[in-house]
Amino acid sequence: MEFGVYLEFGFWDLEFDQGVNMAEKFYRLGCDIGGTFTDFVLLNDRTGEIKIYKCLTTPKDPSDAVEHGIREMEKPTPGFVGKMDEVIHGTTLVINSIIERKGAKTGLITTKGFRDVLEIGRGIRYAPMTYLLNSLNL
């Protein structure tokens, strides 16, 4: 797998073709910013082709790695940015900061029944029986 190299450049000069109609937008980009690496997956909905790219995360400004990755993915797939239908973004930076107790001192304000959200370590509760919230006086 090829690894990117951190470069500094402006992302906003990428050309977004405003004249492309929605039927011509058939790319989906997934981007996951992690503590060490930023991963990309580009899906062509017409052909099913998938392209991946990985580069180092830039801790000072994680968006720099995103810009770099998109530019690198434009090389083998010119013009995909103007044909993107969807961008999906994920990150573990915030939860990593909490787990590692790094960053600014913060407080967490939750609604009733969610004071254990940090201990559970998941942001979504699909199975109420798992937590037995109704049997607890929270």
C-alpha atoms as a PDB file:
ATOM      1  CA  MET A   1       0.000   0.000   0.000  1.00  0.00           C
ATOM      2  CA  GLU A   2       1.300   3.434  -0.867  1.00  0.00           C
ATOM      3  CA  PHE A   3       1.642   5.995   1.909  1.00  0.00           C
ATOM      4  CA  GLY A   4       1.245   9.688   1.310  1.00  0.00           C
ATOM      5  CA  VAL A   5       3.639  12.381   2.330  1.00  0.00           C
ATOM      6  CA  TYR A   6       2.514  15.521   4.114  1.00  0.00           C
ATOM      7  CA  LEU A   7       2.454  18.500   1.760  1.00  0.00           C
ATOM      8  CA  GLU A   8       1.041  21.941   2.373  1.00  0.00           C
ATOM      9  CA  PHE A   9      -1.337  23.356  -0.219  1.00  0.00           C
ATOM     10  CA  GLY A  10      -4.778  24.917  -0.520  1.00  0.00           C
ATOM     11  CA  PHE A  11      -7.693  22.547  -0.999  1.00  0.00           C
ATOM     12  CA  TRP A  12     -10.215  25.119  -2.057  1.00  0.00           C
ATOM     13  CA  ASP A  13      -8.810  25.597  -5.563  1.00  0.00           C
ATOM     14  CA  LEU A  14     -10.064  22.146  -6.609  1.00  0.00           C
ATOM     15  CA  GLU A  15     -12.632  22.671  -9.302  1.00  0.00           C
ATOM     16  CA  PHE A  16     -16.198  21.698  -8.499  1.00  0.00           C
ATOM     17  CA  ASP A  17     -18.195  21.649 -11.713  1.00  0.00           C
ATOM     18  CA  GLN A  18     -21.446  23.396 -10.843  1.00  0.00           C
ATOM     19  CA  GLY A  19     -22.892  22.381 -14.236  1.00  0.00           C
ATOM     20  CA  VAL A  20     -22.895  18.628 -13.447  1.00  0.00           C
ATOM     21  CA  ASN A  21     -26.408  17.353 -12.782  1.00  0.00           C
ATOM     22  CA  MET A  22     -27.133  14.849 -10.028  1.00  0.00           C
ATOM     23  CA  ALA A  23     -27.378  11.930 -12.477  1.00  0.00           C
ATOM     24  CA  GLU A  24     -23.722  12.514 -13.327  1.00  0.00           C
ATOM     25  CA  LYS A  25     -22.620  12.366  -9.690  1.00  0.00           C
ATOM     26  CA  PHE A  26     -21.672   8.773  -9.059  1.00  0.00           C
ATOM     27  CA  TYR A  27     -18.650   8.794  -6.749  1.00  0.00           C
ATOM     28  CA  ARG A  28     -18.760   8.356  -2.985  1.00  0.00           C
ATOM     29  CA  LEU A  29     -15.759   9.156  -0.810  1.00  0.00           C
ATOM     30  CA  GLY A  30     -15.213   7.810   2.677  1.00  0.00           C
ATOM     31  CA  CYS A  31     -12.588   9.444   4.865  1.00  0.00           C
ATOM     32  CA  ASP A  32     -11.537   8.309   8.350  1.00  0.00           C
ATOM     33  CA  ILE A  33      -9.144  10.508  10.312  1.00  0.00           C
ATOM     34  CA  GLY A  34      -7.312   8.462  12.913  1.00  0.00           C
ATOM     35  CA  GLY A  35      -4.588   9.358  15.369  1.00  0.00           C
ATOM     36  CA  THR A  36      -1.829   8.046  13.078  1.00  0.00           C
ATOM     37  CA  PHE A  37      -3.325   7.560   9.622  1.00  0.00           C
ATOM     38  CA  THR A  38      -6.078   9.081   7.518  1.00  0.00           C
ATOM     39  CA  ASP A  39      -7.766   6.491   5.298  1.00  0.00           C
ATOM     40  CA  PHE A  40      -9.757   7.047   2.124  1.00  0.00           C
ATOM     41  CA  VAL A  41     -12.096   4.830   0.124  1.00  0.00           C
ATOM     42  CA  LEU A  42     -13.465   6.015  -3.218  1.00  0.00           C
ATOM     43  CA  LEU A  43     -16.411   4.099  -4.675  1.00  0.00           C
ATOM     44  CA  ASN A  44     -17.619   4.445  -8.256  1.00  0.00           C
ATOM     45  CA  ASP A  45     -21.320   3.589  -8.017  1.00  0.00           C
ATOM     46  CA  ARG A  46     -21.555   2.940 -11.767  1.00  0.00           C
ATOM     47  CA  THR A  47     -18.758   0.389 -12.042  1.00  0.00           C
ATOM     48  CA  GLY A  48     -18.365  -0.782  -8.452  1.00  0.00           C
ATOM     49  CA  GLU A  49     -14.659   0.061  -8.625  1.00  0.00           C
ATOM     50  CA  ILE A  50     -13.077   0.849  -5.256  1.00  0.00           C
ATOM     51  CA  LYS A  51      -9.855   2.782  -4.753  1.00  0.00           C
ATOM     52  CA  ILE A  52      -8.119   3.244  -1.427  1.00  0.00           C
ATOM     53  CA  TYR A  53      -5.443   5.590  -0.148  1.00  0.00           C
ATOM     54  CA  LYS A  54      -3.752   6.065   3.211  1.00  0.00           C
ATOM     55  CA  CYS A  55      -1.613   8.941   4.435  1.00  0.00           C
ATOM     56  CA  LEU A  56      -0.271  10.191   7.727  1.00  0.00           C
ATOM     57  CA  THR A  57      -2.638  12.254   9.831  1.00  0.00           C
ATOM     58  CA  THR A  58      -1.451  15.807  10.417  1.00  0.00           C
ATOM     59  CA  PRO A  59      -2.028  16.406  14.158  1.00  0.00           C
ATOM     60  CA  LYS A  60      -1.726  20.203  14.009  1.00  0.00           C
ATOM     61  CA  ASP A  61      -4.534  20.388  11.428  1.00  0.00           C
ATOM     62  CA  PRO A  62      -6.148  17.055  10.451  1.00  0.00           C
ATOM     63  CA  SER A  63      -7.850  18.677   7.458  1.00  0.00           C
ATOM     64  CA  ASP A  64      -4.416  18.995   5.811  1.00  0.00           C
ATOM     65  CA  ALA A  65      -4.237  15.198   5.519  1.00  0.00           C
ATOM     66  CA  VAL A  66      -7.752  15.129   4.038  1.00  0.00           C
ATOM     67  CA  GLU A  67      -6.767  17.719   1.438  1.00  0.00           C
ATOM     68  CA  HIS A  68      -3.616  15.789   0.609  1.00  0.00           C
ATOM     69  CA  GLY A  69      -5.466  12.490   0.280  1.00  0.00           C
ATOM     70  CA  ILE A  70      -8.108  13.932  -2.026  1.00  0.00           C
ATOM     71  CA  ARG A  71      -5.436  15.456  -4.240  1.00  0.00           C
ATOM     72  CA  GLU A  72      -3.572  12.147  -4.392  1.00  0.00           C
ATOM     73  CA  MET A  73      -6.781  10.295  -5.283  1.00  0.00           C
ATOM     74  CA  GLU A  74      -7.430  12.813  -8.070  1.00  0.00           C
ATOM     75  CA  LYS A  75      -4.256  11.621  -9.824  1.00  0.00           C
ATOM     76  CA  PRO A  76      -5.538   8.154 -10.811  1.00  0.00           C
ATOM     77  CA  THR A  77      -9.160   9.364 -11.031  1.00  0.00           C
ATOM     78  CA  PRO A  78      -9.112  12.873 -12.527  1.00  0.00           C
ATOM     79  CA  GLY A  79     -12.272  14.896 -12.034  1.00  0.00           C
ATOM     80  CA  PHE A  80     -13.909  12.669  -9.427  1.00  0.00           C
ATOM     81  CA  VAL A  81     -14.336  15.579  -7.007  1.00  0.00           C
ATOM     82  CA  GLY A  82     -16.808  17.290  -9.328  1.00  0.00           C
ATOM     83  CA  LYS A  83     -18.721  14.012  -9.691  1.00  0.00           C
ATOM     84  CA  MET A  84     -19.019  13.202  -5.973  1.00  0.00           C
ATOM     85  CA  ASP A  85     -22.505  12.445  -4.776  1.00  0.00           C
ATOM     86  CA  GLU A  86     -21.570  11.834  -1.163  1.00  0.00           C
ATOM     87  CA  VAL A  87     -18.729  12.298   1.297  1.00  0.00           C
ATOM     88  CA  ILE A  88     -18.743  10.225   4.464  1.00  0.00           C
ATOM     89  CA  HIS A  89     -16.445  11.337   7.259  1.00  0.00           C
ATOM     90  CA  GLY A  90     -15.434   9.558  10.425  1.00  0.00           C
ATOM     91  CA  THR A  91     -12.830  10.191  13.073  1.00  0.00           C
ATOM     92  CA  THR A  92     -11.458   8.682  16.244  1.00  0.00           C
ATOM     93  CA  LEU A  93      -9.574  11.831  17.258  1.00  0.00           C
ATOM     94  CA  VAL A  94     -12.079  12.970  19.875  1.00  0.00           C
ATOM     95  CA  ILE A  95     -12.551   9.615  21.567  1.00  0.00           C
ATOM     96  CA  ASN A  96      -8.774   9.042  21.490  1.00  0.00           C
ATOM     97  CA  SER A  97      -8.266  12.360  23.298  1.00  0.00           C
ATOM     98  CA  ILE A  98     -10.778  11.348  25.942  1.00  0.00           C
ATOM     99  CA  ILE A  99      -9.350   7.859  26.432  1.00  0.00           C
ATOM    100  CA  GLU A 100      -5.754   9.137  26.544  1.00  0.00           C
ATOM    101  CA  ARG A 101      -6.774  12.116  28.717  1.00  0.00           C
ATOM    102  CA  LYS A 102      -5.095  14.557  26.339  1.00  0.00           C
ATOM    103  CA  GLY A 103      -6.282  17.956  25.227  1.00  0.00           C
ATOM    104  CA  ALA A 104      -8.114  20.723  27.023  1.00  0.00           C
ATOM    105  CA  LYS A 105     -10.002  20.145  30.261  1.00  0.00           C
ATOM    106  CA  THR A 106     -13.628  19.643  29.365  1.00  0.00           C
ATOM    107  CA  GLY A 107     -16.889  18.734  30.968  1.00  0.00           C
ATOM    108  CA  LEU A 108     -19.607  16.428  29.670  1.00  0.00           C
ATOM    109  CA  ILE A 109     -23.234  17.406  30.061  1.00  0.00           C
ATOM    110  CA  THR A 110     -25.705  14.660  29.208  1.00  0.00           C
ATOM    111  CA  THR A 111     -29.401  14.044  29.418  1.00  0.00           C
ATOM    112  CA  LYS A 112     -30.811  11.802  32.120  1.00  0.00           C
ATOM    113  CA  GLY A 113     -29.762   8.196  31.648  1.00  0.00           C
ATOM    114  CA  PHE A 114     -26.616   8.888  29.643  1.00  0.00           C
ATOM    115  CA  ARG A 115     -24.027   9.748  32.310  1.00  0.00           C
ATOM    116  CA  ASP A 116     -22.235   6.465  31.564  1.00  0.00           C
ATOM    117  CA  VAL A 117     -21.655   7.254  27.876  1.00  0.00           C
ATOM    118  CA  LEU A 118     -17.863   7.572  28.326  1.00  0.00           C
ATOM    119  CA  GLU A 119     -17.575   4.337  30.300  1.00  0.00           C
ATOM    120  CA  ILE A 120     -19.627   2.424  27.728  1.00  0.00           C
ATOM    121  CA  GLY A 121     -17.433   3.788  24.928  1.00  0.00           C
ATOM    122  CA  ARG A 122     -20.124   3.781  22.256  1.00  0.00           C
ATOM    123  CA  GLY A 123     -22.178   6.725  21.123  1.00  0.00           C
ATOM    124  CA  ILE A 124     -25.176   4.724  19.912  1.00  0.00           C
ATOM    125  CA  ARG A 125     -27.393   2.495  22.000  1.00  0.00           C
ATOM    126  CA  TYR A 126     -29.413   0.164  19.787  1.00  0.00           C
ATOM    127  CA  ALA A 127     -30.338  -2.502  22.305  1.00  0.00           C
ATOM    128  CA  PRO A 128     -32.084  -1.076  25.382  1.00  0.00           C
ATOM    129  CA  MET A 129     -32.106  -4.493  27.070  1.00  0.00           C
ATOM    130  CA  THR A 130     -28.313  -4.497  27.003  1.00  0.00           C
ATOM    131  CA  TYR A 131     -28.193  -1.550  29.404  1.00  0.00           C
ATOM    132  CA  LEU A 132     -31.416  -2.176  31.348  1.00  0.00           C
ATOM    133  CA  LEU A 133     -32.027   1.553  31.594  1.00  0.00           C
ATOM    134  CA  ASN A 134     -35.597   1.107  32.804  1.00  0.00           C
ATOM    135  CA  SER A 135     -34.511  -0.920  35.831  1.00  0.00           C
ATOM    136  CA  LEU A 136     -32.002   1.708  37.006  1.00  0.00           C
ATOM    137  CA  ASN A 137     -32.883   4.926  38.814  1.00  0.00           C
ATOM    138  CA  LEU A 138     -30.567   7.251  36.915  1.00  0.00           C
END
